[in-house]
Amino acid sequence: MPSPDPLPPFERVVAEHGATVLRVCRALLGPVDADDAWSETFLAALRAYPALRPGSNVEAWLVTIAHRKAVDVHRARARTPVPVAALPERPLASGMPEPDDDLWSAVAALPFTQRAAVVYHHVVGLPYAEIAAILGNSTDAARRAAADGRAALRRRYPTEEPS
């Protein structure tokens, strides 16, 4: 049995998968925190890269690391008060790549697991088995979270205009 291909140099991994990881970070955290999460993802990946088994799905491995960094930021953000001069009249939709885009605001409003499942499947293109591994649940639970997220988005954006 031939041995799997050796791992490519880490610089090539960053070049090939950096944009995907950044899209994941922006979709999960928004533009403000995405760059830091991207950097933290690749710092953690650089440390762990020598132990990665040859033949591993590097993209899914990096998305897993990015997911964990996003969870860390999400938890820290929930515990950190945000000082403001005056309270806005209504809550601002934040945390998505284009804050003025109504769809990204709707995605940002989804519960974190649904948001992650929708982003990983529809933005990154990962299969549900890999999403389940990232989220730490079953394939059926990952599929259900994505379906629930899509259903919530469809309720907000019906496919046909009402007559």
Foldseek 3Di string as FASTA:
>chain_A
DDAADDDDPLVVVCVVQVVVLLQLLQLLFNDPCSVVLSVVLSVVCVVCVVVDGHPDPSNLVSNLSSLVSSVVVVVVVVVDDDDDPDDDPDDQQGGHHDSVDPLSSLLSPQPNLLSSLLCCCPVVNDQLCSSCVSVVHHSVVSVVSPVVSVVSSCVVPPPDDDD
